[in-house]
Amino acid sequence: METVNHKPFKPKTILWVCHLERARDFYDATFVALGGKPGEMDARGRLIYVHEGGRLMITTPIDGKPATAANGGTIGLVATTADHVHAWNTAGVAHGGMAIESPPAERPNGAFVAYLCDPDGNKLTARTLPIK
């Protein structure tokens, strides 16, 4: 029997924004708060964030129309600790985001969770993995 080694699937999410530099300020701060690195601009003018096996791309719409946030859509980011969740929430609010729902808190399943909207209205959550 032959064994084939496959590279693991790396999730990727793309968000459209209206103002790339405003988004860079917000996402650089929140990714650093999670223990990641600031984004890098690729040759096509997209901001690329890589953290914990995932990839987030931030760009302006390719159709030339204004970006709009998904109604009911939420982008989830994994945090290592509750302290990272608090730091993410604080950094996001300080860089143009808006805290939404309840304050950062532990949920019944043991996950520590916070929610923000970015400056363009995209809904985000940072959370530790559930322990229960």
N, C-alpha and C. Protein backbone atom coordinates (compact mmCIF):
# COMPACT_ATOMS: atom_id res chain seq x y z
N MET A 1 0.85 -1.17 0.00
CA MET A 1 0.00 0.00 0.00
C MET A 1 0.89 1.24 0.00
N GLU A 2 0.60 2.17 -0.86
CA GLU A 2 1.37 3.40 -0.97
C GLU A 2 0.76 4.48 -0.08
N THR A 3 1.62 5.18 0.64
CA THR A 3 1.17 6.29 1.48
C THR A 3 1.44 7.59 0.75
N VAL A 4 0.44 8.42 0.68
CA VAL A 4 0.58 9.72 0.03
C VAL A 4 0.48 10.80 1.11
N ASN A 5 1.46 11.66 1.15
CA ASN A 5 1.42 12.77 2.10
C ASN A 5 0.78 13.97 1.44
N HIS A 6 -0.28 14.46 2.03
CA HIS A 6 -0.97 15.65 1.52
C HIS A 6 -0.71 16.81 2.45
N LYS A 7 -0.59 17.98 1.89
CA LYS A 7 -0.47 19.17 2.72
C LYS A 7 -1.83 19.44 3.34
N PRO A 8 -1.85 19.89 4.60
CA PRO A 8 -3.14 20.16 5.24
C PRO A 8 -3.84 21.34 4.58
N PHE A 9 -5.15 21.28 4.60
CA PHE A 9 -5.97 22.38 4.09
C PHE A 9 -5.79 23.58 5.00
N LYS A 10 -5.57 24.72 4.44
CA LYS A 10 -5.43 25.96 5.21
C LYS A 10 -6.64 26.84 4.92
N PRO A 11 -7.49 27.09 5.92
CA PRO A 11 -8.66 27.93 5.66
C PRO A 11 -8.27 29.34 5.26
N LYS A 12 -9.06 29.92 4.39
CA LYS A 12 -8.82 31.28 3.92
C LYS A 12 -10.15 32.03 3.89
N THR A 13 -10.12 33.25 4.35
CA THR A 13 -11.29 34.11 4.33
C THR A 13 -10.90 35.43 3.70
N ILE A 14 -11.79 35.98 2.88
CA ILE A 14 -11.54 37.27 2.25
C ILE A 14 -12.62 38.24 2.70
N LEU A 15 -12.20 39.42 3.16
CA LEU A 15 -13.13 40.48 3.53
C LEU A 15 -12.90 41.68 2.63
N TRP A 16 -13.98 42.25 2.16
CA TRP A 16 -13.90 43.49 1.38
C TRP A 16 -14.09 44.65 2.34
N VAL A 17 -13.31 45.71 2.13
CA VAL A 17 -13.42 46.91 2.94
C VAL A 17 -13.44 48.13 2.03
N CYS A 18 -13.91 49.25 2.56
CA CYS A 18 -13.94 50.49 1.77
C CYS A 18 -12.62 51.24 1.83
N HIS A 19 -11.93 51.18 2.96
CA HIS A 19 -10.70 51.95 3.17
C HIS A 19 -9.60 51.02 3.65
N LEU A 20 -8.69 50.67 2.78
CA LEU A 20 -7.65 49.68 3.08
C LEU A 20 -6.73 50.13 4.22
N GLU A 21 -6.32 51.38 4.24
CA GLU A 21 -5.41 51.83 5.30
C GLU A 21 -6.11 51.84 6.66
N ARG A 22 -7.38 52.22 6.71
CA ARG A 22 -8.13 52.18 7.97
C ARG A 22 -8.25 50.73 8.43
N ALA A 23 -8.51 49.83 7.50
CA ALA A 23 -8.60 48.41 7.83
C ALA A 23 -7.25 47.89 8.32
N ARG A 24 -6.16 48.31 7.68
CA ARG A 24 -4.83 47.86 8.10
C ARG A 24 -4.56 48.25 9.55
N ASP A 25 -4.91 49.46 9.92
CA ASP A 25 -4.72 49.93 11.29
C ASP A 25 -5.47 49.03 12.27
N PHE A 26 -6.73 48.72 11.95
CA PHE A 26 -7.56 47.88 12.81
C PHE A 26 -7.04 46.44 12.86
N TYR A 27 -6.83 45.81 11.71
CA TYR A 27 -6.44 44.40 11.68
C TYR A 27 -5.01 44.17 12.16
N ASP A 28 -4.08 45.09 11.89
CA ASP A 28 -2.73 44.95 12.45
C ASP A 28 -2.81 44.91 13.98
N ALA A 29 -3.55 45.85 14.56
CA ALA A 29 -3.66 45.92 16.02
C ALA A 29 -4.32 44.67 16.60
N THR A 30 -5.38 44.19 15.97
CA THR A 30 -6.09 43.04 16.54
C THR A 30 -5.32 41.74 16.34
N PHE A 31 -4.62 41.58 15.24
CA PHE A 31 -3.82 40.37 15.05
C PHE A 31 -2.62 40.34 15.98
N VAL A 32 -1.98 41.47 16.20
CA VAL A 32 -0.87 41.53 17.15
C VAL A 32 -1.38 41.21 18.56
N ALA A 33 -2.57 41.68 18.90
CA ALA A 33 -3.16 41.39 20.21
C ALA A 33 -3.41 39.90 20.41
N LEU A 34 -3.64 39.16 19.32
CA LEU A 34 -3.84 37.71 19.39
C LEU A 34 -2.52 36.95 19.38
N GLY A 35 -1.40 37.66 19.31
CA GLY A 35 -0.10 36.99 19.25
C GLY A 35 0.40 36.80 17.84
N GLY A 36 -0.29 37.36 16.86
CA GLY A 36 0.12 37.25 15.46
C GLY A 36 0.99 38.42 15.04
N LYS A 37 1.12 38.55 13.74
CA LYS A 37 1.96 39.60 13.16
C LYS A 37 1.09 40.55 12.34
N PRO A 38 1.58 41.78 12.12
CA PRO A 38 0.85 42.69 11.22
C PRO A 38 0.74 42.08 9.82
N GLY A 39 -0.24 42.53 9.07
CA GLY A 39 -0.44 42.03 7.72
C GLY A 39 0.65 42.49 6.77
N GLU A 40 0.76 41.75 5.68
CA GLU A 40 1.70 42.12 4.61
C GLU A 40 0.91 42.39 3.35
N MET A 41 1.30 43.40 2.61
CA MET A 41 0.64 43.76 1.36
C MET A 41 1.22 42.90 0.24
N ASP A 42 0.35 42.22 -0.53
CA ASP A 42 0.85 41.43 -1.65
C ASP A 42 0.95 42.31 -2.90
N ALA A 43 1.41 41.73 -3.99
CA ALA A 43 1.63 42.47 -5.24
C ALA A 43 0.33 43.03 -5.82
N ARG A 44 -0.81 42.45 -5.44
CA ARG A 44 -2.11 42.91 -5.95
C ARG A 44 -2.77 43.92 -5.03
N GLY A 45 -2.06 44.35 -3.97
CA GLY A 45 -2.61 45.37 -3.08
C GLY A 45 -3.55 44.83 -2.02
N ARG A 46 -3.46 43.54 -1.71
CA ARG A 46 -4.30 42.94 -0.68
C ARG A 46 -3.48 42.79 0.59
N LEU A 47 -4.11 43.00 1.73
CA LEU A 47 -3.46 42.74 3.01
C LEU A 47 -3.64 41.27 3.34
N ILE A 48 -2.56 40.62 3.73
CA ILE A 48 -2.59 39.19 4.03
C ILE A 48 -2.18 39.00 5.49
N TYR A 49 -3.03 38.31 6.24
CA TYR A 49 -2.75 37.96 7.63
C TYR A 49 -2.74 36.45 7.74
N VAL A 50 -1.68 35.90 8.33
CA VAL A 50 -1.56 34.45 8.53
C VAL A 50 -1.35 34.23 10.02
N HIS A 51 -2.20 33.37 10.61
CA HIS A 51 -2.09 33.11 12.05
C HIS A 51 -2.76 31.79 12.38
N GLU A 52 -2.08 30.99 13.18
CA GLU A 52 -2.63 29.72 13.67
C GLU A 52 -3.20 28.85 12.54
N GLY A 53 -2.54 28.81 11.41
CA GLY A 53 -2.96 27.96 10.30
C GLY A 53 -4.02 28.55 9.39
N GLY A 54 -4.56 29.70 9.73
CA GLY A 54 -5.58 30.34 8.90
C GLY A 54 -4.99 31.51 8.13
N ARG A 55 -5.73 31.98 7.15
CA ARG A 55 -5.29 33.10 6.32
C ARG A 55 -6.47 34.04 6.09
N LEU A 56 -6.26 35.31 6.38
CA LEU A 56 -7.28 36.33 6.17
C LEU A 56 -6.74 37.34 5.18
N MET A 57 -7.52 37.58 4.12
CA MET A 57 -7.15 38.57 3.11
C MET A 57 -8.12 39.73 3.21
N ILE A 58 -7.58 40.95 3.22
CA ILE A 58 -8.39 42.17 3.28
C ILE A 58 -8.13 42.94 1.99
N THR A 59 -9.19 43.29 1.28
CA THR A 59 -9.03 43.99 0.01
C THR A 59 -10.24 44.87 -0.26
N THR A 60 -10.10 45.75 -1.22
CA THR A 60 -11.25 46.53 -1.66
C THR A 60 -12.00 45.72 -2.72
N PRO A 61 -13.29 45.97 -2.92
CA PRO A 61 -14.07 45.19 -3.88
C PRO A 61 -13.50 45.29 -5.30
N ILE A 62 -13.48 44.15 -5.98
CA ILE A 62 -12.95 44.13 -7.35
C ILE A 62 -13.96 44.66 -8.36
N ASP A 63 -15.23 44.79 -7.94
CA ASP A 63 -16.25 45.29 -8.87
C ASP A 63 -16.40 46.81 -8.83
N GLY A 64 -15.59 47.49 -7.99
CA GLY A 64 -15.65 48.95 -7.92
C GLY A 64 -16.77 49.51 -7.07
N LYS A 65 -17.65 48.66 -6.57
CA LYS A 65 -18.76 49.11 -5.73
C LYS A 65 -18.31 49.16 -4.27
N PRO A 66 -19.02 49.91 -3.42
CA PRO A 66 -18.64 49.96 -2.00
C PRO A 66 -18.77 48.59 -1.33
N ALA A 67 -17.89 48.33 -0.38
CA ALA A 67 -17.98 47.10 0.40
C ALA A 67 -19.16 47.20 1.35
N THR A 68 -19.83 46.09 1.57
CA THR A 68 -20.90 46.01 2.55
C THR A 68 -20.65 44.81 3.44
N ALA A 69 -21.02 44.92 4.71
CA ALA A 69 -20.83 43.82 5.65
C ALA A 69 -21.94 42.79 5.46
N ALA A 70 -21.61 41.54 5.71
CA ALA A 70 -22.60 40.46 5.63
C ALA A 70 -23.60 40.61 6.77
N ASN A 71 -24.88 40.53 6.46
CA ASN A 71 -25.91 40.61 7.48
C ASN A 71 -26.05 39.23 8.10
N GLY A 72 -25.53 39.06 9.30
CA GLY A 72 -25.58 37.77 9.98
C GLY A 72 -24.30 36.97 9.85
N GLY A 73 -23.38 37.40 8.99
CA GLY A 73 -22.12 36.69 8.85
C GLY A 73 -21.15 37.10 9.95
N THR A 74 -20.39 36.13 10.45
CA THR A 74 -19.40 36.39 11.49
C THR A 74 -18.12 35.66 11.15
N ILE A 75 -16.99 36.35 11.24
CA ILE A 75 -15.68 35.75 11.02
C ILE A 75 -15.10 35.41 12.39
N GLY A 76 -14.72 34.15 12.60
CA GLY A 76 -14.16 33.70 13.87
C GLY A 76 -12.66 33.59 13.82
N LEU A 77 -11.99 34.09 14.86
CA LEU A 77 -10.54 34.01 15.00
C LEU A 77 -10.23 33.27 16.29
N VAL A 78 -9.28 32.34 16.23
CA VAL A 78 -8.91 31.56 17.40
C VAL A 78 -7.92 32.33 18.25
N ALA A 79 -8.20 32.40 19.54
CA ALA A 79 -7.30 33.01 20.51
C ALA A 79 -6.74 31.91 21.40
N THR A 80 -5.51 32.07 21.85
CA THR A 80 -4.87 31.07 22.69
C THR A 80 -5.34 31.17 24.14
N THR A 81 -5.56 32.39 24.62
CA THR A 81 -5.92 32.60 26.03
C THR A 81 -7.02 33.66 26.15
N ALA A 82 -7.64 33.69 27.33
CA ALA A 82 -8.62 34.75 27.61
C ALA A 82 -7.95 36.12 27.58
N ASP A 83 -6.69 36.19 28.01
CA ASP A 83 -5.97 37.47 27.94
C ASP A 83 -5.84 37.96 26.51
N HIS A 84 -5.62 37.03 25.56
CA HIS A 84 -5.56 37.42 24.15
C HIS A 84 -6.92 37.96 23.68
N VAL A 85 -8.00 37.33 24.13
CA VAL A 85 -9.34 37.80 23.75
C VAL A 85 -9.55 39.23 24.27
N HIS A 86 -9.20 39.47 25.53
CA HIS A 86 -9.32 40.83 26.08
C HIS A 86 -8.46 41.82 25.30
N ALA A 87 -7.21 41.45 25.01
CA ALA A 87 -6.30 42.34 24.28
C ALA A 87 -6.83 42.62 22.88
N TRP A 88 -7.38 41.60 22.21
CA TRP A 88 -7.97 41.74 20.87
C TRP A 88 -9.12 42.74 20.92
N ASN A 89 -10.01 42.58 21.89
CA ASN A 89 -11.17 43.45 22.03
C ASN A 89 -10.73 44.90 22.29
N THR A 90 -9.79 45.09 23.19
CA THR A 90 -9.29 46.42 23.52
C THR A 90 -8.62 47.07 22.31
N ALA A 91 -7.77 46.31 21.61
CA ALA A 91 -7.07 46.83 20.43
C ALA A 91 -8.06 47.19 19.33
N GLY A 92 -9.07 46.36 19.15
CA GLY A 92 -10.06 46.63 18.11
C GLY A 92 -10.83 47.91 18.35
N VAL A 93 -11.28 48.12 19.58
CA VAL A 93 -12.02 49.34 19.92
C VAL A 93 -11.11 50.56 19.78
N ALA A 94 -9.85 50.42 20.19
CA ALA A 94 -8.91 51.54 20.11
C ALA A 94 -8.54 51.91 18.67
N HIS A 95 -8.80 50.99 17.73
CA HIS A 95 -8.42 51.23 16.33
C HIS A 95 -9.64 51.28 15.40
N GLY A 96 -10.75 51.82 15.92
CA GLY A 96 -11.90 52.10 15.08
C GLY A 96 -12.99 51.05 15.06
N GLY A 97 -12.81 49.96 15.80
CA GLY A 97 -13.85 48.93 15.86
C GLY A 97 -14.90 49.29 16.90
N MET A 98 -15.97 48.49 16.93
CA MET A 98 -17.05 48.72 17.88
C MET A 98 -17.35 47.41 18.60
N ALA A 99 -17.29 47.42 19.94
CA ALA A 99 -17.64 46.24 20.73
C ALA A 99 -19.14 46.00 20.58
N ILE A 100 -19.51 44.76 20.36
CA ILE A 100 -20.92 44.42 20.21
C ILE A 100 -21.25 43.22 21.08
N GLU A 101 -22.52 42.96 21.24
CA GLU A 101 -23.04 41.89 22.09
C GLU A 101 -22.57 42.12 23.52
N SER A 102 -22.26 41.06 24.25
CA SER A 102 -21.87 41.21 25.65
C SER A 102 -20.38 41.48 25.77
N PRO A 103 -19.93 41.98 26.94
CA PRO A 103 -18.49 42.15 27.12
C PRO A 103 -17.78 40.80 27.01
N PRO A 104 -16.45 40.79 26.78
CA PRO A 104 -15.73 39.52 26.72
C PRO A 104 -16.02 38.68 27.96
N ALA A 105 -16.34 37.41 27.75
CA ALA A 105 -16.72 36.56 28.87
C ALA A 105 -16.58 35.08 28.51
N GLU A 106 -16.53 34.27 29.56
CA GLU A 106 -16.51 32.82 29.36
C GLU A 106 -17.94 32.35 29.10
N ARG A 107 -18.08 31.44 28.15
CA ARG A 107 -19.38 30.87 27.81
C ARG A 107 -19.56 29.53 28.55
N PRO A 108 -20.77 28.97 28.57
CA PRO A 108 -21.00 27.71 29.29
C PRO A 108 -20.11 26.55 28.82
N ASN A 109 -19.66 26.58 27.57
CA ASN A 109 -18.80 25.50 27.08
C ASN A 109 -17.33 25.70 27.43
N GLY A 110 -17.01 26.78 28.16
CA GLY A 110 -15.64 27.05 28.58
C GLY A 110 -14.86 27.93 27.63
N ALA A 111 -15.42 28.24 26.46
CA ALA A 111 -14.73 29.15 25.53
C ALA A 111 -14.83 30.57 26.07
N PHE A 112 -13.76 31.34 25.92
CA PHE A 112 -13.78 32.75 26.28
C PHE A 112 -13.96 33.53 25.00
N VAL A 113 -14.97 34.42 24.93
CA VAL A 113 -15.44 34.98 23.66
C VAL A 113 -15.62 36.50 23.75
N ALA A 114 -15.30 37.18 22.64
CA ALA A 114 -15.61 38.61 22.47
C ALA A 114 -16.04 38.84 21.03
N TYR A 115 -16.85 39.87 20.82
CA TYR A 115 -17.33 40.23 19.48
C TYR A 115 -17.03 41.70 19.20
N LEU A 116 -16.64 41.98 17.95
CA LEU A 116 -16.41 43.34 17.47
C LEU A 116 -16.97 43.49 16.06
N CYS A 117 -17.26 44.72 15.68
CA CYS A 117 -17.42 45.06 14.27
C CYS A 117 -16.20 45.86 13.87
N ASP A 118 -15.63 45.56 12.70
CA ASP A 118 -14.50 46.35 12.21
C ASP A 118 -15.02 47.69 11.70
N PRO A 119 -14.14 48.60 11.29
CA PRO A 119 -14.61 49.92 10.85
C PRO A 119 -15.56 49.90 9.65
N ASP A 120 -15.59 48.79 8.89
CA ASP A 120 -16.53 48.68 7.76
C ASP A 120 -17.78 47.91 8.12
N GLY A 121 -17.93 47.50 9.38
CA GLY A 121 -19.13 46.80 9.82
C GLY A 121 -19.07 45.29 9.76
N ASN A 122 -17.93 44.71 9.38
CA ASN A 122 -17.80 43.25 9.37
C ASN A 122 -17.79 42.75 10.81
N LYS A 123 -18.60 41.73 11.10
CA LYS A 123 -18.70 41.19 12.46
C LYS A 123 -17.62 40.13 12.66
N LEU A 124 -16.88 40.27 13.76
CA LEU A 124 -15.78 39.37 14.08
C LEU A 124 -15.94 38.84 15.49
N THR A 125 -15.40 37.65 15.73
CA THR A 125 -15.31 37.13 17.09
C THR A 125 -13.92 36.55 17.30
N ALA A 126 -13.38 36.77 18.48
CA ALA A 126 -12.16 36.09 18.90
C ALA A 126 -12.56 35.21 20.07
N ARG A 127 -12.07 33.97 20.06
CA ARG A 127 -12.50 33.03 21.08
C ARG A 127 -11.45 31.96 21.32
N THR A 128 -11.38 31.54 22.56
CA THR A 128 -10.55 30.38 22.86
C THR A 128 -11.37 29.14 22.49
N LEU A 129 -10.71 28.02 22.38
CA LEU A 129 -11.42 26.78 22.06
C LEU A 129 -12.23 26.33 23.27
N PRO A 130 -13.41 25.71 23.05
CA PRO A 130 -14.21 25.22 24.17
C PRO A 130 -13.47 24.13 24.94
N ILE A 131 -13.69 24.07 26.24
CA ILE A 131 -13.04 23.04 27.05
C ILE A 131 -14.04 22.07 27.65
N LYS A 132 -15.32 22.31 27.47
CA LYS A 132 -16.35 21.43 28.03
C LYS A 132 -17.15 20.79 26.93
